[in-house]
């Protein structure tokens, strides 16, 4: 469990005890809230996939959009993942590599599913370089999410699937990939942070591995 869960849960428990001393039924609401907080901040272990060029999901949630676009004249693709309040909110690094840039952007707290939220909403933008590629992933605040937590610092080295932070109470995570990444998901898919493979960077090694798997299936 994320440490924040104990703080929220303890606060709700204290409120339940104090209200219970006045009238027992008043303790029900804070007791339920305490149970919700303990459940919300759960942090399950995940089996991290191995292999060259593998990119894992930075968050649990539903893939709501996959877009192709151009950045500085280079083709890119973006995967958007929406987290509702029932999803695990711990974020993980999509690849192994070094954080080359880290920036926090003030903004709105609009609907995280809206198309413009990727640019307009408050967000933390992380660039990681490693494993032959550079990826950018964004922790984007939503209507309820008012706190973005990111623990590593610029220059730190991350492992694929490593826990890096969380967004509290509903949010969105975007990941921007090179056009040479073969995607493994589609809109509507549900993914799990650290264990679901979003795509694989197309390199001689990964192409050879894919061809070998296809040969076995024939």
C-alpha atoms as a PDB file:
ATOM      1  CA  UNK A   1       0.000   0.000   0.000  1.00  0.00           C
ATOM      2  CA  UNK A   2       1.114   3.557  -0.725  1.00  0.00           C
ATOM      3  CA  UNK A   3       2.060   5.410   2.467  1.00  0.00           C
ATOM      4  CA  UNK A   4      -0.619   8.050   1.814  1.00  0.00           C
ATOM      5  CA  UNK A   5      -3.271   5.400   2.372  1.00  0.00           C
ATOM      6  CA  UNK A   6      -2.267   5.041   6.008  1.00  0.00           C
ATOM      7  CA  UNK A   7      -2.450   8.824   6.528  1.00  0.00           C
ATOM      8  CA  UNK A   8      -5.911   9.133   5.007  1.00  0.00           C
ATOM      9  CA  UNK A   9      -7.114   5.946   6.677  1.00  0.00           C
ATOM     10  CA  UNK A  10      -5.829   7.019  10.099  1.00  0.00           C
ATOM     11  CA  UNK A  11      -7.480  10.421   9.779  1.00  0.00           C
ATOM     12  CA  UNK A  12     -10.805   8.809   8.910  1.00  0.00           C
ATOM     13  CA  UNK A  13     -10.430   6.345  11.808  1.00  0.00           C
ATOM     14  CA  UNK A  14      -9.839   9.163  14.297  1.00  0.00           C
ATOM     15  CA  UNK A  15     -12.908  10.993  12.957  1.00  0.00           C
ATOM     16  CA  UNK A  16     -14.958   7.802  13.278  1.00  0.00           C
ATOM     17  CA  UNK A  17     -13.922   7.334  16.921  1.00  0.00           C
ATOM     18  CA  UNK A  18     -14.675  10.953  17.868  1.00  0.00           C
ATOM     19  CA  UNK A  19     -18.046  10.966  16.129  1.00  0.00           C
ATOM     20  CA  UNK A  20     -18.849   7.548  17.590  1.00  0.00           C
ATOM     21  CA  UNK A  21     -18.438   8.970  21.072  1.00  0.00           C
ATOM     22  CA  UNK A  22     -21.212  11.440  20.276  1.00  0.00           C
ATOM     23  CA  UNK A  23     -23.558   9.157  18.340  1.00  0.00           C
ATOM     24  CA  UNK A  24     -22.511   5.694  17.142  1.00  0.00           C
ATOM     25  CA  UNK A  25     -24.209   5.937  13.732  1.00  0.00           C
ATOM     26  CA  UNK A  26     -22.217   9.083  12.902  1.00  0.00           C
ATOM     27  CA  UNK A  27     -19.083   6.932  12.809  1.00  0.00           C
ATOM     28  CA  UNK A  28     -20.326   4.962   9.801  1.00  0.00           C
ATOM     29  CA  UNK A  29     -19.413   7.527   7.130  1.00  0.00           C
ATOM     30  CA  UNK A  30     -15.793   8.187   8.218  1.00  0.00           C
ATOM     31  CA  UNK A  31     -15.322   4.444   8.801  1.00  0.00           C
ATOM     32  CA  UNK A  32     -16.419   3.730   5.215  1.00  0.00           C
ATOM     33  CA  UNK A  33     -14.198   6.523   3.943  1.00  0.00           C
ATOM     34  CA  UNK A  34     -11.261   5.052   5.844  1.00  0.00           C
ATOM     35  CA  UNK A  35     -11.868   1.645   4.259  1.00  0.00           C
ATOM     36  CA  UNK A  36     -12.091   3.285   0.822  1.00  0.00           C
ATOM     37  CA  UNK A  37      -8.792   5.123   1.308  1.00  0.00           C
ATOM     38  CA  UNK A  38      -7.015   1.931   2.371  1.00  0.00           C
ATOM     39  CA  UNK A  39      -8.357   0.203  -0.745  1.00  0.00           C
ATOM     40  CA  UNK A  40      -7.727   3.129  -3.100  1.00  0.00           C
ATOM     41  CA  UNK A  41      -4.036   3.408  -2.222  1.00  0.00           C
ATOM     42  CA  UNK A  42      -3.348  -0.283  -2.798  1.00  0.00           C
ATOM     43  CA  UNK A  43      -0.070  -1.070  -4.532  1.00  0.00           C
ATOM     44  CA  UNK A  44      -0.035  -4.635  -5.883  1.00  0.00           C
ATOM     45  CA  UNK A  45       3.107  -6.369  -7.099  1.00  0.00           C
ATOM     46  CA  UNK A  46       3.369  -6.765 -10.870  1.00  0.00           C
ATOM     47  CA  UNK A  47       5.231  -9.172 -13.154  1.00  0.00           C
ATOM     48  CA  UNK A  48       7.419  -6.915 -15.317  1.00  0.00           C
ATOM     49  CA  UNK A  49       7.869  -8.175 -18.924  1.00  0.00           C
ATOM     50  CA  UNK A  50      11.401  -8.604 -20.229  1.00  0.00           C
ATOM     51  CA  UNK A  51      12.812  -8.168 -23.717  1.00  0.00           C
ATOM     52  CA  UNK A  52      14.487  -5.576 -25.955  1.00  0.00           C
ATOM     53  CA  UNK A  53      12.447  -2.522 -26.850  1.00  0.00           C
ATOM     54  CA  UNK A  54       9.480  -3.468 -24.640  1.00  0.00           C
ATOM     55  CA  UNK A  55       7.373  -0.535 -23.395  1.00  0.00           C
ATOM     56  CA  UNK A  56       5.013  -1.188 -20.492  1.00  0.00           C
ATOM     57  CA  UNK A  57       2.028   0.832 -19.386  1.00  0.00           C
ATOM     58  CA  UNK A  58       2.811   3.624 -16.910  1.00  0.00           C
ATOM     59  CA  UNK A  59      -0.624   3.245 -15.308  1.00  0.00           C
ATOM     60  CA  UNK A  60      -3.677   1.087 -14.785  1.00  0.00           C
ATOM     61  CA  UNK A  61      -6.762   2.136 -16.715  1.00  0.00           C
ATOM     62  CA  UNK A  62      -8.506   2.158 -20.063  1.00  0.00           C
ATOM     63  CA  UNK A  63      -6.929   3.145 -23.371  1.00  0.00           C
ATOM     64  CA  UNK A  64      -9.174   5.984 -24.532  1.00  0.00           C
ATOM     65  CA  UNK A  65      -7.220   7.352 -27.475  1.00  0.00           C
ATOM     66  CA  UNK A  66      -4.358   6.505 -29.829  1.00  0.00           C
ATOM     67  CA  UNK A  67      -3.198   9.388 -32.013  1.00  0.00           C
ATOM     68  CA  UNK A  68      -0.569   9.929 -34.692  1.00  0.00           C
ATOM     69  CA  UNK A  69       1.033  13.356 -34.873  1.00  0.00           C
ATOM     70  CA  UNK A  70       4.206  15.208 -35.839  1.00  0.00           C
ATOM     71  CA  UNK A  71       6.643  16.817 -33.402  1.00  0.00           C
ATOM     72  CA  UNK A  72       9.460  18.967 -34.778  1.00  0.00           C
ATOM     73  CA  UNK A  73       8.968  17.272 -38.124  1.00  0.00           C
ATOM     74  CA  UNK A  74       9.216  13.760 -36.663  1.00  0.00           C
ATOM     75  CA  UNK A  75       6.270  11.341 -36.641  1.00  0.00           C
ATOM     76  CA  UNK A  76       5.086  10.353 -33.161  1.00  0.00           C
ATOM     77  CA  UNK A  77       2.232   8.421 -31.604  1.00  0.00           C
ATOM     78  CA  UNK A  78       0.410   9.033 -28.345  1.00  0.00           C
ATOM     79  CA  UNK A  79      -1.481   6.577 -26.160  1.00  0.00           C
ATOM     80  CA  UNK A  80      -3.917   8.037 -23.620  1.00  0.00           C
ATOM     81  CA  UNK A  81      -4.928   6.018 -20.556  1.00  0.00           C
ATOM     82  CA  UNK A  82      -7.806   7.127 -18.340  1.00  0.00           C
ATOM     83  CA  UNK A  83      -7.816   6.125 -14.662  1.00  0.00           C
ATOM     84  CA  UNK A  84     -11.092   6.135 -12.769  1.00  0.00           C
ATOM     85  CA  UNK A  85     -11.310   6.115  -8.976  1.00  0.00           C
ATOM     86  CA  UNK A  86     -11.472   2.306  -8.949  1.00  0.00           C
ATOM     87  CA  UNK A  87      -8.121   1.818 -10.700  1.00  0.00           C
ATOM     88  CA  UNK A  88      -4.742   1.402  -9.018  1.00  0.00           C
ATOM     89  CA  UNK A  89      -3.195   4.886  -9.142  1.00  0.00           C
ATOM     90  CA  UNK A  90       0.487   4.010  -8.706  1.00  0.00           C
ATOM     91  CA  UNK A  91       2.508   5.048 -11.780  1.00  0.00           C
ATOM     92  CA  UNK A  92       5.470   3.118 -13.193  1.00  0.00           C
ATOM     93  CA  UNK A  93       8.277   3.789 -15.642  1.00  0.00           C
ATOM     94  CA  UNK A  94       7.477   2.522 -19.173  1.00  0.00           C
ATOM     95  CA  UNK A  95      11.122   1.714 -19.991  1.00  0.00           C
ATOM     96  CA  UNK A  96      14.512   1.367 -18.365  1.00  0.00           C
ATOM     97  CA  UNK A  97      16.563   4.509 -18.786  1.00  0.00           C
ATOM     98  CA  UNK A  98      17.622   7.869 -17.426  1.00  0.00           C
ATOM     99  CA  UNK A  99      15.331  10.822 -16.764  1.00  0.00           C
ATOM    100  CA  UNK A 100      16.647  13.490 -19.125  1.00  0.00           C
ATOM    101  CA  UNK A 101      13.944  16.061 -18.460  1.00  0.00           C
ATOM    102  CA  UNK A 102      11.320  16.643 -15.796  1.00  0.00           C
ATOM    103  CA  UNK A 103       8.885  19.546 -15.762  1.00  0.00           C
ATOM    104  CA  UNK A 104       5.693  20.459 -13.929  1.00  0.00           C
ATOM    105  CA  UNK A 105       3.066  22.440 -15.815  1.00  0.00           C
ATOM    106  CA  UNK A 106       0.370  24.394 -14.017  1.00  0.00           C
ATOM    107  CA  UNK A 107      -3.042  24.238 -15.622  1.00  0.00           C
ATOM    108  CA  UNK A 108      -6.724  23.421 -15.381  1.00  0.00           C
ATOM    109  CA  UNK A 109      -8.468  20.572 -13.584  1.00  0.00           C
ATOM    110  CA  UNK A 110     -10.860  19.738 -16.403  1.00  0.00           C
ATOM    111  CA  UNK A 111     -12.293  16.418 -17.507  1.00  0.00           C
ATOM    112  CA  UNK A 112      -9.247  14.182 -18.068  1.00  0.00           C
ATOM    113  CA  UNK A 113     -11.038  12.377 -20.917  1.00  0.00           C
ATOM    114  CA  UNK A 114     -11.419  15.588 -22.938  1.00  0.00           C
ATOM    115  CA  UNK A 115      -9.143  15.902 -25.956  1.00  0.00           C
ATOM    116  CA  UNK A 116      -7.606  19.185 -24.816  1.00  0.00           C
ATOM    117  CA  UNK A 117      -6.704  17.989 -21.319  1.00  0.00           C
ATOM    118  CA  UNK A 118      -3.382  16.612 -22.573  1.00  0.00           C
ATOM    119  CA  UNK A 119      -2.172  20.186 -23.011  1.00  0.00           C
ATOM    120  CA  UNK A 120      -4.477  22.315 -20.820  1.00  0.00           C
ATOM    121  CA  UNK A 121      -4.641  20.362 -17.548  1.00  0.00           C
ATOM    122  CA  UNK A 122      -2.108  20.502 -14.735  1.00  0.00           C
ATOM    123  CA  UNK A 123       0.510  17.828 -15.375  1.00  0.00           C
ATOM    124  CA  UNK A 124       3.934  16.392 -14.738  1.00  0.00           C
ATOM    125  CA  UNK A 125       5.968  15.679 -17.890  1.00  0.00           C
ATOM    126  CA  UNK A 126       8.744  13.090 -17.747  1.00  0.00           C
ATOM    127  CA  UNK A 127      11.255  12.286 -20.487  1.00  0.00           C
ATOM    128  CA  UNK A 128      13.143   8.991 -20.206  1.00  0.00           C
ATOM    129  CA  UNK A 129      15.951   7.935 -22.528  1.00  0.00           C
ATOM    130  CA  UNK A 130      17.184   4.367 -22.704  1.00  0.00           C
ATOM    131  CA  UNK A 131      16.856   0.988 -24.396  1.00  0.00           C
ATOM    132  CA  UNK A 132      17.470   2.629 -27.776  1.00  0.00           C
ATOM    133  CA  UNK A 133      14.609   5.098 -27.523  1.00  0.00           C
ATOM    134  CA  UNK A 134      13.271   8.236 -25.871  1.00  0.00           C
ATOM    135  CA  UNK A 135       9.743   8.304 -24.470  1.00  0.00           C
ATOM    136  CA  UNK A 136       7.702  11.002 -22.777  1.00  0.00           C
ATOM    137  CA  UNK A 137       4.944  10.242 -20.333  1.00  0.00           C
ATOM    138  CA  UNK A 138       2.607  12.685 -18.652  1.00  0.00           C
ATOM    139  CA  UNK A 139       0.801  12.442 -15.333  1.00  0.00           C
ATOM    140  CA  UNK A 140      -2.290  14.556 -15.999  1.00  0.00           C
ATOM    141  CA  UNK A 141      -4.656  15.841 -13.319  1.00  0.00           C
ATOM    142  CA  UNK A 142      -8.424  15.509 -13.754  1.00  0.00           C
ATOM    143  CA  UNK A 143     -11.636  16.791 -12.195  1.00  0.00           C
ATOM    144  CA  UNK A 144     -10.939  15.059  -8.868  1.00  0.00           C
ATOM    145  CA  UNK A 145      -7.164  14.658  -9.070  1.00  0.00           C
ATOM    146  CA  UNK A 146      -5.551  17.623  -7.317  1.00  0.00           C
ATOM    147  CA  UNK A 147      -2.233  16.116  -6.377  1.00  0.00           C
ATOM    148  CA  UNK A 148       0.424  14.611  -8.642  1.00  0.00           C
ATOM    149  CA  UNK A 149       3.266  12.766  -6.927  1.00  0.00           C
ATOM    150  CA  UNK A 150       6.542  11.949  -8.693  1.00  0.00           C
ATOM    151  CA  UNK A 151       9.445  10.746  -6.561  1.00  0.00           C
ATOM    152  CA  UNK A 152      12.569  10.442  -8.794  1.00  0.00           C
ATOM    153  CA  UNK A 153      14.633  13.451  -9.903  1.00  0.00           C
ATOM    154  CA  UNK A 154      16.074  14.499 -13.253  1.00  0.00           C
ATOM    155  CA  UNK A 155      19.201  12.453 -13.915  1.00  0.00           C
ATOM    156  CA  UNK A 156      17.966   9.403 -11.984  1.00  0.00           C
ATOM    157  CA  UNK A 157      18.099   5.990 -13.645  1.00  0.00           C
ATOM    158  CA  UNK A 158      14.872   3.984 -13.729  1.00  0.00           C
ATOM    159  CA  UNK A 159      14.121   0.326 -14.301  1.00  0.00           C
ATOM    160  CA  UNK A 160      11.276  -0.802 -16.532  1.00  0.00           C
ATOM    161  CA  UNK A 161       8.132  -1.046 -14.397  1.00  0.00           C
ATOM    162  CA  UNK A 162       9.698   0.792 -11.450  1.00  0.00           C
ATOM    163  CA  UNK A 163       7.268   2.672  -9.227  1.00  0.00           C
ATOM    164  CA  UNK A 164       7.702   6.423  -9.732  1.00  0.00           C
ATOM    165  CA  UNK A 165       4.662   8.096  -8.154  1.00  0.00           C
ATOM    166  CA  UNK A 166       0.897   8.399  -8.354  1.00  0.00           C
ATOM    167  CA  UNK A 167      -1.999  10.703  -9.195  1.00  0.00           C
ATOM    168  CA  UNK A 168      -4.690  10.932  -6.560  1.00  0.00           C
ATOM    169  CA  UNK A 169      -8.379  10.296  -7.288  1.00  0.00           C
ATOM    170  CA  UNK A 170      -8.970   9.883 -11.006  1.00  0.00           C
ATOM    171  CA  UNK A 171      -6.680  11.109 -13.753  1.00  0.00           C
ATOM    172  CA  UNK A 172      -5.061  10.466 -17.110  1.00  0.00           C
ATOM    173  CA  UNK A 173      -1.655   9.312 -18.272  1.00  0.00           C
ATOM    174  CA  UNK A 174      -0.313   9.959 -21.772  1.00  0.00           C
ATOM    175  CA  UNK A 175       2.725   8.292 -23.260  1.00  0.00           C
ATOM    176  CA  UNK A 176       4.395   9.640 -26.386  1.00  0.00           C
ATOM    177  CA  UNK A 177       6.318   7.127 -28.477  1.00  0.00           C
ATOM    178  CA  UNK A 178       8.401   7.062 -31.630  1.00  0.00           C
ATOM    179  CA  UNK A 179       6.672   6.020 -34.856  1.00  0.00           C
ATOM    180  CA  UNK A 180       8.999   2.995 -34.947  1.00  0.00           C
ATOM    181  CA  UNK A 181       7.121   1.449 -32.016  1.00  0.00           C
ATOM    182  CA  UNK A 182       4.748  -1.363 -32.987  1.00  0.00           C
ATOM    183  CA  UNK A 183       1.722  -0.934 -30.755  1.00  0.00           C
ATOM    184  CA  UNK A 184       0.283  -3.854 -28.824  1.00  0.00           C
ATOM    185  CA  UNK A 185      -2.955  -2.172 -27.661  1.00  0.00           C
ATOM    186  CA  UNK A 186      -6.051  -0.576 -29.149  1.00  0.00           C
ATOM    187  CA  UNK A 187      -8.678   1.885 -27.961  1.00  0.00           C
ATOM    188  CA  UNK A 188     -10.933   0.260 -25.375  1.00  0.00           C
ATOM    189  CA  UNK A 189      -8.289  -2.088 -23.962  1.00  0.00           C
ATOM    190  CA  UNK A 190      -7.687  -2.142 -20.216  1.00  0.00           C
ATOM    191  CA  UNK A 191      -4.052  -2.104 -19.151  1.00  0.00           C
ATOM    192  CA  UNK A 192      -2.139  -2.664 -15.918  1.00  0.00           C
ATOM    193  CA  UNK A 193       0.789  -0.465 -14.922  1.00  0.00           C
ATOM    194  CA  UNK A 194       4.142  -2.191 -15.213  1.00  0.00           C
ATOM    195  CA  UNK A 195       2.824  -5.457 -16.662  1.00  0.00           C
ATOM    196  CA  UNK A 196       0.823  -4.637 -19.818  1.00  0.00           C
ATOM    197  CA  UNK A 197       2.958  -4.201 -22.938  1.00  0.00           C
ATOM    198  CA  UNK A 198       1.905  -1.087 -24.869  1.00  0.00           C
ATOM    199  CA  UNK A 199       4.326  -1.662 -27.717  1.00  0.00           C
ATOM    200  CA  UNK A 200       7.768  -2.801 -28.838  1.00  0.00           C
ATOM    201  CA  UNK A 201      10.402  -0.647 -30.501  1.00  0.00           C
ATOM    202  CA  UNK A 202      11.122  -1.932 -34.001  1.00  0.00           C
ATOM    203  CA  UNK A 203      14.831  -2.846 -34.093  1.00  0.00           C
ATOM    204  CA  UNK A 204      16.787  -5.621 -35.860  1.00  0.00           C
ATOM    205  CA  UNK A 205      16.706  -7.612 -32.608  1.00  0.00           C
ATOM    206  CA  UNK A 206      12.943  -7.299 -32.069  1.00  0.00           C
ATOM    207  CA  UNK A 207      12.145  -7.923 -35.757  1.00  0.00           C
ATOM    208  CA  UNK A 208      14.262 -11.098 -35.685  1.00  0.00           C
ATOM    209  CA  UNK A 209      12.520 -12.235 -32.478  1.00  0.00           C
ATOM    210  CA  UNK A 210       9.087 -11.601 -34.007  1.00  0.00           C
ATOM    211  CA  UNK A 211       9.985 -13.524 -37.150  1.00  0.00           C
ATOM    212  CA  UNK A 212      11.235 -16.429 -35.036  1.00  0.00           C
ATOM    213  CA  UNK A 213       7.940 -16.556 -33.111  1.00  0.00           C
ATOM    214  CA  UNK A 214       5.955 -16.526 -36.344  1.00  0.00           C
ATOM    215  CA  UNK A 215       8.104 -19.342 -37.726  1.00  0.00           C
ATOM    216  CA  UNK A 216       7.347 -21.460 -34.632  1.00  0.00           C
ATOM    217  CA  UNK A 217       3.606 -20.864 -35.081  1.00  0.00           C
ATOM    218  CA  UNK A 218       3.646 -22.069 -38.701  1.00  0.00           C
END
